[in-house]
mmCIF file of all heavy atoms, coordinates in Angstrom:
data_MODEL
# 
_entry.id   MODEL 
# 
loop_
_atom_site.group_PDB 
_atom_site.id 
_atom_site.type_symbol 
_atom_site.label_atom_id 
_atom_site.label_alt_id 
_atom_site.label_comp_id 
_atom_site.label_asym_id 
_atom_site.label_entity_id 
_atom_site.label_seq_id 
_atom_site.pdbx_PDB_ins_code 
_atom_site.Cartn_x 
_atom_site.Cartn_y 
_atom_site.Cartn_z 
_atom_site.occupancy 
_atom_site.B_iso_or_equiv 
_atom_site.pdbx_formal_charge 
_atom_site.auth_seq_id 
_atom_site.auth_comp_id 
_atom_site.auth_asym_id 
_atom_site.auth_atom_id 
_atom_site.pdbx_PDB_model_num 
ATOM 1   N N   . GLU A 1 1  ? 38.518 206.100 197.556 1.00 0.00 ? 1  GLU A N   1 
ATOM 2   C CA  . GLU A 1 1  ? 38.360 206.569 198.942 1.00 0.00 ? 1  GLU A CA  1 
ATOM 3   C C   . GLU A 1 1  ? 39.317 207.707 199.240 1.00 0.00 ? 1  GLU A C   1 
ATOM 4   O O   . GLU A 1 1  ? 38.949 208.701 199.885 1.00 0.00 ? 1  GLU A O   1 
ATOM 5   C CB  . GLU A 1 1  ? 38.604 205.409 199.915 1.00 0.00 ? 1  GLU A CB  1 
ATOM 6   C CG  . GLU A 1 1  ? 37.481 204.383 199.969 1.00 0.00 ? 1  GLU A CG  1 
ATOM 7   C CD  . GLU A 1 1  ? 37.859 203.164 200.795 1.00 0.00 ? 1  GLU A CD  1 
ATOM 8   O OE1 . GLU A 1 1  ? 39.061 202.991 201.101 1.00 0.00 ? 1  GLU A OE1 1 
ATOM 9   O OE2 . GLU A 1 1  ? 36.946 202.385 201.126 1.00 0.00 ? 1  GLU A OE2 1 
ATOM 10  N N   . TYR A 1 2  ? 40.543 207.579 198.763 1.00 0.00 ? 2  TYR A N   1 
ATOM 11  C CA  . TYR A 1 2  ? 41.543 208.619 199.001 1.00 0.00 ? 2  TYR A CA  1 
ATOM 12  C C   . TYR A 1 2  ? 41.132 209.932 198.335 1.00 0.00 ? 2  TYR A C   1 
ATOM 13  O O   . TYR A 1 2  ? 41.224 211.012 198.951 1.00 0.00 ? 2  TYR A O   1 
ATOM 14  C CB  . TYR A 1 2  ? 42.905 208.158 198.481 1.00 0.00 ? 2  TYR A CB  1 
ATOM 15  C CG  . TYR A 1 2  ? 43.951 209.245 198.497 1.00 0.00 ? 2  TYR A CG  1 
ATOM 16  C CD1 . TYR A 1 2  ? 44.541 209.650 199.689 1.00 0.00 ? 2  TYR A CD1 1 
ATOM 17  C CD2 . TYR A 1 2  ? 44.338 209.872 197.317 1.00 0.00 ? 2  TYR A CD2 1 
ATOM 18  C CE1 . TYR A 1 2  ? 45.502 210.653 199.711 1.00 0.00 ? 2  TYR A CE1 1 
ATOM 19  C CE2 . TYR A 1 2  ? 45.294 210.876 197.327 1.00 0.00 ? 2  TYR A CE2 1 
ATOM 20  C CZ  . TYR A 1 2  ? 45.868 211.268 198.519 1.00 0.00 ? 2  TYR A CZ  1 
ATOM 21  O OH  . TYR A 1 2  ? 46.803 212.265 198.532 1.00 0.00 ? 2  TYR A OH  1 
ATOM 22  N N   . LEU A 1 3  ? 40.658 209.861 197.108 1.00 0.00 ? 3  LEU A N   1 
ATOM 23  C CA  . LEU A 1 3  ? 40.270 211.076 196.394 1.00 0.00 ? 3  LEU A CA  1 
ATOM 24  C C   . LEU A 1 3  ? 39.034 211.718 197.025 1.00 0.00 ? 3  LEU A C   1 
ATOM 25  O O   . LEU A 1 3  ? 38.924 212.953 197.079 1.00 0.00 ? 3  LEU A O   1 
ATOM 26  C CB  . LEU A 1 3  ? 40.035 210.766 194.916 1.00 0.00 ? 3  LEU A CB  1 
ATOM 27  C CG  . LEU A 1 3  ? 41.293 210.319 194.145 1.00 0.00 ? 3  LEU A CG  1 
ATOM 28  C CD1 . LEU A 1 3  ? 40.945 209.995 192.698 1.00 0.00 ? 3  LEU A CD1 1 
ATOM 29  C CD2 . LEU A 1 3  ? 42.385 211.382 194.199 1.00 0.00 ? 3  LEU A CD2 1 
ATOM 30  N N   . TYR A 1 4  ? 38.112 210.900 197.522 1.00 0.00 ? 4  TYR A N   1 
ATOM 31  C CA  . TYR A 1 4  ? 36.968 211.448 198.257 1.00 0.00 ? 4  TYR A CA  1 
ATOM 32  C C   . TYR A 1 4  ? 37.443 212.140 199.539 1.00 0.00 ? 4  TYR A C   1 
ATOM 33  O O   . TYR A 1 4  ? 36.909 213.200 199.927 1.00 0.00 ? 4  TYR A O   1 
ATOM 34  C CB  . TYR A 1 4  ? 35.985 210.326 198.614 1.00 0.00 ? 4  TYR A CB  1 
ATOM 35  C CG  . TYR A 1 4  ? 35.037 209.938 197.496 1.00 0.00 ? 4  TYR A CG  1 
ATOM 36  C CD1 . TYR A 1 4  ? 34.184 208.839 197.639 1.00 0.00 ? 4  TYR A CD1 1 
ATOM 37  C CD2 . TYR A 1 4  ? 34.993 210.656 196.304 1.00 0.00 ? 4  TYR A CD2 1 
ATOM 38  C CE1 . TYR A 1 4  ? 33.302 208.475 196.619 1.00 0.00 ? 4  TYR A CE1 1 
ATOM 39  C CE2 . TYR A 1 4  ? 34.124 210.304 195.279 1.00 0.00 ? 4  TYR A CE2 1 
ATOM 40  C CZ  . TYR A 1 4  ? 33.285 209.206 195.440 1.00 0.00 ? 4  TYR A CZ  1 
ATOM 41  O OH  . TYR A 1 4  ? 32.421 208.852 194.431 1.00 0.00 ? 4  TYR A OH  1 
ATOM 42  N N   . PHE A 1 5  ? 38.424 211.539 200.201 1.00 0.00 ? 5  PHE A N   1 
ATOM 43  C CA  . PHE A 1 5  ? 38.990 212.135 201.419 1.00 0.00 ? 5  PHE A CA  1 
ATOM 44  C C   . PHE A 1 5  ? 39.602 213.503 201.114 1.00 0.00 ? 5  PHE A C   1 
ATOM 45  O O   . PHE A 1 5  ? 39.372 214.481 201.841 1.00 0.00 ? 5  PHE A O   1 
ATOM 46  C CB  . PHE A 1 5  ? 40.040 211.185 202.004 1.00 0.00 ? 5  PHE A CB  1 
ATOM 47  C CG  . PHE A 1 5  ? 40.827 211.774 203.135 1.00 0.00 ? 5  PHE A CG  1 
ATOM 48  C CD1 . PHE A 1 5  ? 40.257 211.934 204.391 1.00 0.00 ? 5  PHE A CD1 1 
ATOM 49  C CD2 . PHE A 1 5  ? 42.150 212.178 202.949 1.00 0.00 ? 5  PHE A CD2 1 
ATOM 50  C CE1 . PHE A 1 5  ? 40.989 212.484 205.443 1.00 0.00 ? 5  PHE A CE1 1 
ATOM 51  C CE2 . PHE A 1 5  ? 42.879 212.721 203.987 1.00 0.00 ? 5  PHE A CE2 1 
ATOM 52  C CZ  . PHE A 1 5  ? 42.297 212.882 205.233 1.00 0.00 ? 5  PHE A CZ  1 
ATOM 53  N N   . ILE A 1 6  ? 40.373 213.588 200.035 1.00 0.00 ? 6  ILE A N   1 
ATOM 54  C CA  . ILE A 1 6  ? 40.983 214.863 199.643 1.00 0.00 ? 6  ILE A CA  1 
ATOM 55  C C   . ILE A 1 6  ? 39.908 215.877 199.268 1.00 0.00 ? 6  ILE A C   1 
ATOM 56  O O   . ILE A 1 6  ? 39.998 217.063 199.611 1.00 0.00 ? 6  ILE A O   1 
ATOM 57  C CB  . ILE A 1 6  ? 41.958 214.657 198.452 1.00 0.00 ? 6  ILE A CB  1 
ATOM 58  C CG1 . ILE A 1 6  ? 43.118 213.746 198.873 1.00 0.00 ? 6  ILE A CG1 1 
ATOM 59  C CG2 . ILE A 1 6  ? 42.494 215.991 197.948 1.00 0.00 ? 6  ILE A CG2 1 
ATOM 60  C CD1 . ILE A 1 6  ? 43.979 214.302 199.986 1.00 0.00 ? 6  ILE A CD1 1 
ATOM 61  N N   . TYR A 1 7  ? 38.863 215.407 198.598 1.00 0.00 ? 7  TYR A N   1 
ATOM 62  C CA  . TYR A 1 7  ? 37.742 216.271 198.219 1.00 0.00 ? 7  TYR A CA  1 
ATOM 63  C C   . TYR A 1 7  ? 37.126 216.921 199.474 1.00 0.00 ? 7  TYR A C   1 
ATOM 64  O O   . TYR A 1 7  ? 36.889 218.134 199.520 1.00 0.00 ? 7  TYR A O   1 
ATOM 65  C CB  . TYR A 1 7  ? 36.698 215.435 197.467 1.00 0.00 ? 7  TYR A CB  1 
ATOM 66  C CG  . TYR A 1 7  ? 35.419 216.155 197.127 1.00 0.00 ? 7  TYR A CG  1 
ATOM 67  C CD1 . TYR A 1 7  ? 35.227 216.707 195.868 1.00 0.00 ? 7  TYR A CD1 1 
ATOM 68  C CD2 . TYR A 1 7  ? 34.389 216.255 198.070 1.00 0.00 ? 7  TYR A CD2 1 
ATOM 69  C CE1 . TYR A 1 7  ? 34.039 217.363 195.550 1.00 0.00 ? 7  TYR A CE1 1 
ATOM 70  C CE2 . TYR A 1 7  ? 33.204 216.910 197.760 1.00 0.00 ? 7  TYR A CE2 1 
ATOM 71  C CZ  . TYR A 1 7  ? 33.038 217.461 196.500 1.00 0.00 ? 7  TYR A CZ  1 
ATOM 72  O OH  . TYR A 1 7  ? 31.866 218.109 196.203 1.00 0.00 ? 7  TYR A OH  1 
ATOM 73  N N   . ASN A 1 8  ? 36.885 216.109 200.486 1.00 0.00 ? 8  ASN A N   1 
ATOM 74  C CA  . ASN A 1 8  ? 36.289 216.630 201.721 1.00 0.00 ? 8  ASN A CA  1 
ATOM 75  C C   . ASN A 1 8  ? 37.262 217.547 202.451 1.00 0.00 ? 8  ASN A C   1 
ATOM 76  O O   . ASN A 1 8  ? 36.860 218.571 203.021 1.00 0.00 ? 8  ASN A O   1 
ATOM 77  C CB  . ASN A 1 8  ? 35.863 215.474 202.633 1.00 0.00 ? 8  ASN A CB  1 
ATOM 78  C CG  . ASN A 1 8  ? 34.731 214.658 202.032 1.00 0.00 ? 8  ASN A CG  1 
ATOM 79  O OD1 . ASN A 1 8  ? 33.909 215.172 201.288 1.00 0.00 ? 8  ASN A OD1 1 
ATOM 80  N ND2 . ASN A 1 8  ? 34.698 213.362 202.338 1.00 0.00 ? 8  ASN A ND2 1 
ATOM 81  N N   . LEU A 1 9  ? 38.544 217.182 202.440 1.00 0.00 ? 9  LEU A N   1 
ATOM 82  C CA  . LEU A 1 9  ? 39.557 217.977 203.125 1.00 0.00 ? 9  LEU A CA  1 
ATOM 83  C C   . LEU A 1 9  ? 39.661 219.375 202.512 1.00 0.00 ? 9  LEU A C   1 
ATOM 84  O O   . LEU A 1 9  ? 39.818 220.378 203.221 1.00 0.00 ? 9  LEU A O   1 
ATOM 85  C CB  . LEU A 1 9  ? 40.910 217.259 203.025 1.00 0.00 ? 9  LEU A CB  1 
ATOM 86  C CG  . LEU A 1 9  ? 42.005 217.660 204.010 1.00 0.00 ? 9  LEU A CG  1 
ATOM 87  C CD1 . LEU A 1 9  ? 41.583 217.348 205.440 1.00 0.00 ? 9  LEU A CD1 1 
ATOM 88  C CD2 . LEU A 1 9  ? 43.296 216.923 203.658 1.00 0.00 ? 9  LEU A CD2 1 
ATOM 89  N N   . LYS A 1 10 ? 39.570 219.443 201.201 1.00 0.00 ? 10 LYS A N   1 
ATOM 90  C CA  . LYS A 1 10 ? 39.676 220.731 200.499 1.00 0.00 ? 10 LYS A CA  1 
ATOM 91  C C   . LYS A 1 10 ? 38.354 221.504 200.472 1.00 0.00 ? 10 LYS A C   1 
ATOM 92  O O   . LYS A 1 10 ? 38.319 222.640 199.989 1.00 0.00 ? 10 LYS A O   1 
ATOM 93  C CB  . LYS A 1 10 ? 40.151 220.497 199.059 1.00 0.00 ? 10 LYS A CB  1 
ATOM 94  C CG  . LYS A 1 10 ? 41.600 220.048 198.940 1.00 0.00 ? 10 LYS A CG  1 
ATOM 95  C CD  . LYS A 1 10 ? 42.015 219.962 197.470 1.00 0.00 ? 10 LYS A CD  1 
ATOM 96  C CE  . LYS A 1 10 ? 43.476 219.623 197.312 1.00 0.00 ? 10 LYS A CE  1 
ATOM 97  N NZ  . LYS A 1 10 ? 43.901 219.594 195.877 1.00 0.00 ? 10 LYS A NZ  1 
ATOM 98  N N   . LYS A 1 11 ? 37.282 220.879 200.939 1.00 0.00 ? 11 LYS A N   1 
ATOM 99  C CA  . LYS A 1 11 ? 35.953 221.515 200.964 1.00 0.00 ? 11 LYS A CA  1 
ATOM 100 C C   . LYS A 1 11 ? 35.536 221.969 199.559 1.00 0.00 ? 11 LYS A C   1 
ATOM 101 O O   . LYS A 1 11 ? 35.111 223.104 199.336 1.00 0.00 ? 11 LYS A O   1 
ATOM 102 C CB  . LYS A 1 11 ? 35.939 222.698 201.928 1.00 0.00 ? 11 LYS A CB  1 
ATOM 103 C CG  . LYS A 1 11 ? 36.259 222.322 203.365 1.00 0.00 ? 11 LYS A CG  1 
ATOM 104 C CD  . LYS A 1 11 ? 36.283 223.525 204.265 1.00 0.00 ? 11 LYS A CD  1 
ATOM 105 C CE  . LYS A 1 11 ? 36.642 223.128 205.696 1.00 0.00 ? 11 LYS A CE  1 
ATOM 106 N NZ  . LYS A 1 11 ? 36.697 224.313 206.596 1.00 0.00 ? 11 LYS A NZ  1 
ATOM 107 N N   . VAL A 1 12 ? 35.689 221.063 198.611 1.00 0.00 ? 12 VAL A N   1 
ATOM 108 C CA  . VAL A 1 12 ? 35.379 221.357 197.215 1.00 0.00 ? 12 VAL A CA  1 
ATOM 109 C C   . VAL A 1 12 ? 33.866 221.466 197.035 1.00 0.00 ? 12 VAL A C   1 
ATOM 110 O O   . VAL A 1 12 ? 33.091 220.732 197.668 1.00 0.00 ? 12 VAL A O   1 
ATOM 111 C CB  . VAL A 1 12 ? 35.963 220.253 196.299 1.00 0.00 ? 12 VAL A CB  1 
ATOM 112 C CG1 . VAL A 1 12 ? 35.613 220.531 194.842 1.00 0.00 ? 12 VAL A CG1 1 
ATOM 113 C CG2 . VAL A 1 12 ? 37.465 220.163 196.481 1.00 0.00 ? 12 VAL A CG2 1 
ATOM 114 N N   . LYS A 1 13 ? 33.441 222.373 196.163 1.00 0.00 ? 13 LYS A N   1 
ATOM 115 C CA  . LYS A 1 13 ? 32.009 222.620 195.952 1.00 0.00 ? 13 LYS A CA  1 
ATOM 116 C C   . LYS A 1 13 ? 31.443 221.903 194.724 1.00 0.00 ? 13 LYS A C   1 
ATOM 117 O O   . LYS A 1 13 ? 30.235 221.857 194.538 1.00 0.00 ? 13 LYS A O   1 
ATOM 118 C CB  . LYS A 1 13 ? 31.766 224.124 195.799 1.00 0.00 ? 13 LYS A CB  1 
ATOM 119 C CG  . LYS A 1 13 ? 32.237 224.952 196.990 1.00 0.00 ? 13 LYS A CG  1 
ATOM 120 C CD  . LYS A 1 13 ? 31.538 224.543 198.273 1.00 0.00 ? 13 LYS A CD  1 
ATOM 121 C CE  . LYS A 1 13 ? 31.977 225.417 199.450 1.00 0.00 ? 13 LYS A CE  1 
ATOM 122 N NZ  . LYS A 1 13 ? 31.368 224.989 200.728 1.00 0.00 ? 13 LYS A NZ  1 
ATOM 123 N N   . PHE A 1 14 ? 32.331 221.343 193.868 1.00 0.00 ? 14 PHE A N   1 
ATOM 124 C CA  . PHE A 1 14 ? 31.837 220.642 192.687 1.00 0.00 ? 14 PHE A CA  1 
ATOM 125 C C   . PHE A 1 14 ? 31.081 219.374 193.106 1.00 0.00 ? 14 PHE A C   1 
ATOM 126 O O   . PHE A 1 14 ? 31.343 218.813 194.181 1.00 0.00 ? 14 PHE A O   1 
ATOM 127 C CB  . PHE A 1 14 ? 32.994 220.239 191.767 1.00 0.00 ? 14 PHE A CB  1 
ATOM 128 C CG  . PHE A 1 14 ? 33.820 221.391 191.277 1.00 0.00 ? 14 PHE A CG  1 
ATOM 129 C CD1 . PHE A 1 14 ? 35.195 221.424 191.482 1.00 0.00 ? 14 PHE A CD1 1 
ATOM 130 C CD2 . PHE A 1 14 ? 33.239 222.454 190.607 1.00 0.00 ? 14 PHE A CD2 1 
ATOM 131 C CE1 . PHE A 1 14 ? 35.963 222.475 191.038 1.00 0.00 ? 14 PHE A CE1 1 
ATOM 132 C CE2 . PHE A 1 14 ? 34.002 223.518 190.150 1.00 0.00 ? 14 PHE A CE2 1 
ATOM 133 C CZ  . PHE A 1 14 ? 35.362 223.538 190.368 1.00 0.00 ? 14 PHE A CZ  1 
ATOM 134 N N   . PRO A 1 15 ? 30.154 218.884 192.269 1.00 0.00 ? 15 PRO A N   1 
ATOM 135 C CA  . PRO A 1 15 ? 29.500 217.586 192.559 1.00 0.00 ? 15 PRO A CA  1 
ATOM 136 C C   . PRO A 1 15 ? 30.553 216.498 192.737 1.00 0.00 ? 15 PRO A C   1 
ATOM 137 O O   . PRO A 1 15 ? 31.386 216.280 191.849 1.00 0.00 ? 15 PRO A O   1 
ATOM 138 C CB  . PRO A 1 15 ? 28.641 217.350 191.307 1.00 0.00 ? 15 PRO A CB  1 
ATOM 139 C CG  . PRO A 1 15 ? 28.367 218.710 190.762 1.00 0.00 ? 15 PRO A CG  1 
ATOM 140 C CD  . PRO A 1 15 ? 29.612 219.509 191.043 1.00 0.00 ? 15 PRO A CD  1 
ATOM 141 N N   . LYS A 1 16 ? 30.534 215.846 193.885 1.00 0.00 ? 16 LYS A N   1 
ATOM 142 C CA  . LYS A 1 16 ? 31.635 214.959 194.263 1.00 0.00 ? 16 LYS A CA  1 
ATOM 143 C C   . LYS A 1 16 ? 31.901 213.847 193.250 1.00 0.00 ? 16 LYS A C   1 
ATOM 144 O O   . LYS A 1 16 ? 33.010 213.736 192.722 1.00 0.00 ? 16 LYS A O   1 
ATOM 145 C CB  . LYS A 1 16 ? 31.373 214.346 195.638 1.00 0.00 ? 16 LYS A CB  1 
ATOM 146 C CG  . LYS A 1 16 ? 32.493 213.413 196.107 1.00 0.00 ? 16 LYS A CG  1 
ATOM 147 C CD  . LYS A 1 16 ? 32.151 212.685 197.404 1.00 0.00 ? 16 LYS A CD  1 
ATOM 148 C CE  . LYS A 1 16 ? 32.235 213.614 198.579 1.00 0.00 ? 16 LYS A CE  1 
ATOM 149 N NZ  . LYS A 1 16 ? 32.118 212.859 199.870 1.00 0.00 ? 16 LYS A NZ  1 
ATOM 150 N N   . LYS A 1 17 ? 30.934 213.023 192.978 1.00 0.00 ? 17 LYS A N   1 
ATOM 151 C CA  . LYS A 1 17 ? 31.170 211.850 192.132 1.00 0.00 ? 17 LYS A CA  1 
ATOM 152 C C   . LYS A 1 17 ? 31.591 212.253 190.718 1.00 0.00 ? 17 LYS A C   1 
ATOM 153 O O   . LYS A 1 17 ? 32.549 211.704 190.166 1.00 0.00 ? 17 LYS A O   1 
ATOM 154 C CB  . LYS A 1 17 ? 29.933 210.957 192.068 1.00 0.00 ? 17 LYS A CB  1 
ATOM 155 C CG  . LYS A 1 17 ? 30.175 209.648 191.309 1.00 0.00 ? 17 LYS A CG  1 
ATOM 156 C CD  . LYS A 1 17 ? 28.950 208.752 191.346 1.00 0.00 ? 17 LYS A CD  1 
ATOM 157 C CE  . LYS A 1 17 ? 29.255 207.396 190.698 1.00 0.00 ? 17 LYS A CE  1 
ATOM 158 N NZ  . LYS A 1 17 ? 29.774 207.507 189.326 1.00 0.00 ? 17 LYS A NZ  1 
ATOM 159 N N   . ALA A 1 18 ? 30.890 213.206 190.150 1.00 0.00 ? 18 ALA A N   1 
ATOM 160 C CA  . ALA A 1 18 ? 31.206 213.635 188.785 1.00 0.00 ? 18 ALA A CA  1 
ATOM 161 C C   . ALA A 1 18 ? 32.618 214.221 188.717 1.00 0.00 ? 18 ALA A C   1 
ATOM 162 O O   . ALA A 1 18 ? 33.371 213.955 187.762 1.00 0.00 ? 18 ALA A O   1 
ATOM 163 C CB  . ALA A 1 18 ? 30.179 214.651 188.305 1.00 0.00 ? 18 ALA A CB  1 
ATOM 164 N N   . HIS A 1 19 ? 32.988 215.002 189.725 1.00 0.00 ? 19 HIS A N   1 
ATOM 165 C CA  . HIS A 1 19 ? 34.312 215.637 189.745 1.00 0.00 ? 19 HIS A CA  1 
ATOM 166 C C   . HIS A 1 19 ? 35.418 214.590 189.872 1.00 0.00 ? 19 HIS A C   1 
ATOM 167 O O   . HIS A 1 19 ? 36.398 214.614 189.122 1.00 0.00 ? 19 HIS A O   1 
ATOM 168 C CB  . HIS A 1 19 ? 34.373 216.628 190.909 1.00 0.00 ? 19 HIS A CB  1 
ATOM 169 C CG  . HIS A 1 19 ? 35.677 217.362 191.020 1.00 0.00 ? 19 HIS A CG  1 
ATOM 170 N ND1 . HIS A 1 19 ? 36.243 218.054 189.968 1.00 0.00 ? 19 HIS A ND1 1 
ATOM 171 C CD2 . HIS A 1 19 ? 36.537 217.500 192.074 1.00 0.00 ? 19 HIS A CD2 1 
ATOM 172 C CE1 . HIS A 1 19 ? 37.386 218.602 190.359 1.00 0.00 ? 19 HIS A CE1 1 
ATOM 173 N NE2 . HIS A 1 19 ? 37.593 218.272 191.631 1.00 0.00 ? 19 HIS A NE2 1 
ATOM 174 N N   . ILE A 1 20 ? 35.252 213.649 190.798 1.00 0.00 ? 20 ILE A N   1 
ATOM 175 C CA  . ILE A 1 20 ? 36.268 212.607 190.992 1.00 0.00 ? 20 ILE A CA  1 
ATOM 176 C C   . ILE A 1 20 ? 36.319 211.676 189.783 1.00 0.00 ? 20 ILE A C   1 
ATOM 177 O O   . ILE A 1 20 ? 37.400 211.252 189.357 1.00 0.00 ? 20 ILE A O   1 
ATOM 178 C CB  . ILE A 1 20 ? 35.993 211.813 192.291 1.00 0.00 ? 20 ILE A CB  1 
ATOM 179 C CG1 . ILE A 1 20 ? 36.063 212.732 193.509 1.00 0.00 ? 20 ILE A CG1 1 
ATOM 180 C CG2 . ILE A 1 20 ? 36.994 210.662 192.427 1.00 0.00 ? 20 ILE A CG2 1 
ATOM 181 C CD1 . ILE A 1 20 ? 37.376 213.479 193.677 1.00 0.00 ? 20 ILE A CD1 1 
ATOM 182 N N   . ASP A 1 21 ? 35.171 211.371 189.200 1.00 0.00 ? 21 ASP A N   1 
ATOM 183 C CA  . ASP A 1 21 ? 35.141 210.538 187.990 1.00 0.00 ? 21 ASP A CA  1 
ATOM 184 C C   . ASP A 1 21 ? 35.965 211.176 186.872 1.00 0.00 ? 21 ASP A C   1 
ATOM 185 O O   . ASP A 1 21 ? 36.709 210.491 186.163 1.00 0.00 ? 21 ASP A O   1 
ATOM 186 C CB  . ASP A 1 21 ? 33.701 210.334 187.508 1.00 0.00 ? 21 ASP A CB  1 
ATOM 187 C CG  . ASP A 1 21 ? 32.932 209.332 188.357 1.00 0.00 ? 21 ASP A CG  1 
ATOM 188 O OD1 . ASP A 1 21 ? 33.564 208.627 189.162 1.00 0.00 ? 21 ASP A OD1 1 
ATOM 189 O OD2 . ASP A 1 21 ? 31.694 209.263 188.208 1.00 0.00 ? 21 ASP A OD2 1 
ATOM 190 N N   . GLU A 1 22 ? 35.826 212.476 186.707 1.00 0.00 ? 22 GLU A N   1 
ATOM 191 C CA  . GLU A 1 22 ? 36.550 213.188 185.649 1.00 0.00 ? 22 GLU A CA  1 
ATOM 192 C C   . GLU A 1 22 ? 38.055 213.153 185.894 1.00 0.00 ? 22 GLU A C   1 
ATOM 193 O O   . GLU A 1 22 ? 38.846 212.942 184.967 1.00 0.00 ? 22 GLU A O   1 
ATOM 194 C CB  . GLU A 1 22 ? 36.059 214.635 185.582 1.00 0.00 ? 22 GLU A CB  1 
ATOM 195 C CG  . GLU A 1 22 ? 36.823 215.531 184.616 1.00 0.00 ? 22 GLU A CG  1 
ATOM 196 C CD  . GLU A 1 22 ? 36.720 215.083 183.173 1.00 0.00 ? 22 GLU A CD  1 
ATOM 197 O OE1 . GLU A 1 22 ? 35.805 214.284 182.850 1.00 0.00 ? 22 GLU A OE1 1 
ATOM 198 O OE2 . GLU A 1 22 ? 37.563 215.509 182.358 1.00 0.00 ? 22 GLU A OE2 1 
ATOM 199 N N   . ILE A 1 23 ? 38.464 213.319 187.143 1.00 0.00 ? 23 ILE A N   1 
ATOM 200 C CA  . ILE A 1 23 ? 39.897 213.282 187.472 1.00 0.00 ? 23 ILE A CA  1 
ATOM 201 C C   . ILE A 1 23 ? 40.460 211.883 187.238 1.00 0.00 ? 23 ILE A C   1 
ATOM 202 O O   . ILE A 1 23 ? 41.547 211.722 186.671 1.00 0.00 ? 23 ILE A O   1 
ATOM 203 C CB  . ILE A 1 23 ? 40.122 213.725 188.934 1.00 0.00 ? 23 ILE A CB  1 
ATOM 204 C CG1 . ILE A 1 23 ? 39.812 215.219 189.082 1.00 0.00 ? 23 ILE A CG1 1 
ATOM 205 C CG2 . ILE A 1 23 ? 41.558 213.433 189.369 1.00 0.00 ? 23 ILE A CG2 1 
ATOM 206 C CD1 . ILE A 1 23 ? 39.847 215.707 190.510 1.00 0.00 ? 23 ILE A CD1 1 
ATOM 207 N N   . ILE A 1 24 ? 39.740 210.873 187.673 1.00 0.00 ? 24 ILE A N   1 
ATOM 208 C CA  . ILE A 1 24 ? 40.181 209.487 187.480 1.00 0.00 ? 24 ILE A CA  1 
ATOM 209 C C   . ILE A 1 24 ? 40.352 209.181 185.999 1.00 0.00 ? 24 ILE A C   1 
ATOM 210 O O   . ILE A 1 24 ? 41.316 208.529 185.588 1.00 0.00 ? 24 ILE A O   1 
ATOM 211 C CB  . ILE A 1 24 ? 39.174 208.516 188.138 1.00 0.00 ? 24 ILE A CB  1 
ATOM 212 C CG1 . ILE A 1 24 ? 39.310 208.576 189.666 1.00 0.00 ? 24 ILE A CG1 1 
ATOM 213 C CG2 . ILE A 1 24 ? 39.379 207.084 187.644 1.00 0.00 ? 24 ILE A CG2 1 
ATOM 214 C CD1 . ILE A 1 24 ? 38.264 207.765 190.414 1.00 0.00 ? 24 ILE A CD1 1 
ATOM 215 N N   . ARG A 1 25 ? 39.416 209.654 185.198 1.00 0.00 ? 25 ARG A N   1 
ATOM 216 C CA  . ARG A 1 25 ? 39.519 209.452 183.747 1.00 0.00 ? 25 ARG A CA  1 
ATOM 217 C C   . ARG A 1 25 ? 40.713 210.218 183.162 1.00 0.00 ? 25 ARG A C   1 
ATOM 218 O O   . ARG A 1 25 ? 41.466 209.686 182.342 1.00 0.00 ? 25 ARG A O   1 
ATOM 219 C CB  . ARG A 1 25 ? 38.229 209.924 183.072 1.00 0.00 ? 25 ARG A CB  1 
ATOM 220 C CG  . ARG A 1 25 ? 38.201 209.687 181.561 1.00 0.00 ? 25 ARG A CG  1 
ATOM 221 C CD  . ARG A 1 25 ? 37.137 210.521 180.900 1.00 0.00 ? 25 ARG A CD  1 
ATOM 222 N NE  . ARG A 1 25 ? 37.382 211.941 181.072 1.00 0.00 ? 25 ARG A NE  1 
ATOM 223 C CZ  . ARG A 1 25 ? 38.293 212.618 180.367 1.00 0.00 ? 25 ARG A CZ  1 
ATOM 224 N NH1 . ARG A 1 25 ? 39.043 212.000 179.465 1.00 0.00 ? 25 ARG A NH1 1 
ATOM 225 N NH2 . ARG A 1 25 ? 38.467 213.909 180.569 1.00 0.00 ? 25 ARG A NH2 1 
ATOM 226 N N   . LEU A 1 26 ? 40.903 211.444 183.632 1.00 0.00 ? 26 LEU A N   1 
ATOM 227 C CA  . LEU A 1 26 ? 41.965 212.297 183.092 1.00 0.00 ? 26 LEU A CA  1 
ATOM 228 C C   . LEU A 1 26 ? 43.349 211.713 183.340 1.00 0.00 ? 26 LEU A C   1 
ATOM 229 O O   . LEU A 1 26 ? 44.204 211.711 182.444 1.00 0.00 ? 26 LEU A O   1 
ATOM 230 C CB  . LEU A 1 26 ? 41.871 213.694 183.713 1.00 0.00 ? 26 LEU A CB  1 
ATOM 231 C CG  . LEU A 1 26 ? 42.909 214.725 183.256 1.00 0.00 ? 26 LEU A CG  1 
ATOM 232 C CD1 . LEU A 1 26 ? 42.764 215.010 181.773 1.00 0.00 ? 26 LEU A CD1 1 
ATOM 233 C CD2 . LEU A 1 26 ? 42.767 216.007 184.075 1.00 0.00 ? 26 LEU A CD2 1 
ATOM 234 N N   . VAL A 1 27 ? 43.606 211.207 184.557 1.00 0.00 ? 27 VAL A N   1 
ATOM 235 C CA  . VAL A 1 27 ? 44.931 210.685 184.876 1.00 0.00 ? 27 VAL A CA  1 
ATOM 236 C C   . VAL A 1 27 ? 45.055 209.184 184.593 1.00 0.00 ? 27 VAL A C   1 
ATOM 237 O O   . VAL A 1 27 ? 46.075 208.573 184.893 1.00 0.00 ? 27 VAL A O   1 
ATOM 238 C CB  . VAL A 1 27 ? 45.326 210.987 186.338 1.00 0.00 ? 27 VAL A CB  1 
ATOM 239 C CG1 . VAL A 1 27 ? 45.326 212.472 186.604 1.00 0.00 ? 27 VAL A CG1 1 
ATOM 240 C CG2 . VAL A 1 27 ? 44.407 210.287 187.319 1.00 0.00 ? 27 VAL A CG2 1 
ATOM 241 N N   . ARG A 1 28 ? 44.001 208.612 184.029 1.00 0.00 ? 28 ARG A N   1 
ATOM 242 C CA  . ARG A 1 28 ? 44.011 207.222 183.560 1.00 0.00 ? 28 ARG A CA  1 
ATOM 243 C C   . ARG A 1 28 ? 44.308 206.222 184.676 1.00 0.00 ? 28 ARG A C   1 
ATOM 244 O O   . ARG A 1 28 ? 45.241 205.433 184.606 1.00 0.00 ? 28 ARG A O   1 
ATOM 245 C CB  . ARG A 1 28 ? 45.007 207.069 182.416 1.00 0.00 ? 28 ARG A CB  1 
ATOM 246 C CG  . ARG A 1 28 ? 44.615 207.871 181.183 1.00 0.00 ? 28 ARG A CG  1 
ATOM 247 C CD  . ARG A 1 28 ? 45.715 207.920 180.161 1.00 0.00 ? 28 ARG A CD  1 
ATOM 248 N NE  . ARG A 1 28 ? 46.077 206.574 179.716 1.00 0.00 ? 28 ARG A NE  1 
ATOM 249 C CZ  . ARG A 1 28 ? 47.108 206.327 178.907 1.00 0.00 ? 28 ARG A CZ  1 
ATOM 250 N NH1 . ARG A 1 28 ? 47.868 207.309 178.480 1.00 0.00 ? 28 ARG A NH1 1 
ATOM 251 N NH2 . ARG A 1 28 ? 47.366 205.092 178.539 1.00 0.00 ? 28 ARG A NH2 1 
# 
C-alpha cells in the first residue's frame, strides 16, 4: 500500500503492479 501511495504521489507512468513487483523483488 505504501509503495502504491508513493507511485501515485510521484505520478509514475510505468505499469503500476509490474513496476512495484520489480522493486519489491529487487530490495528483497
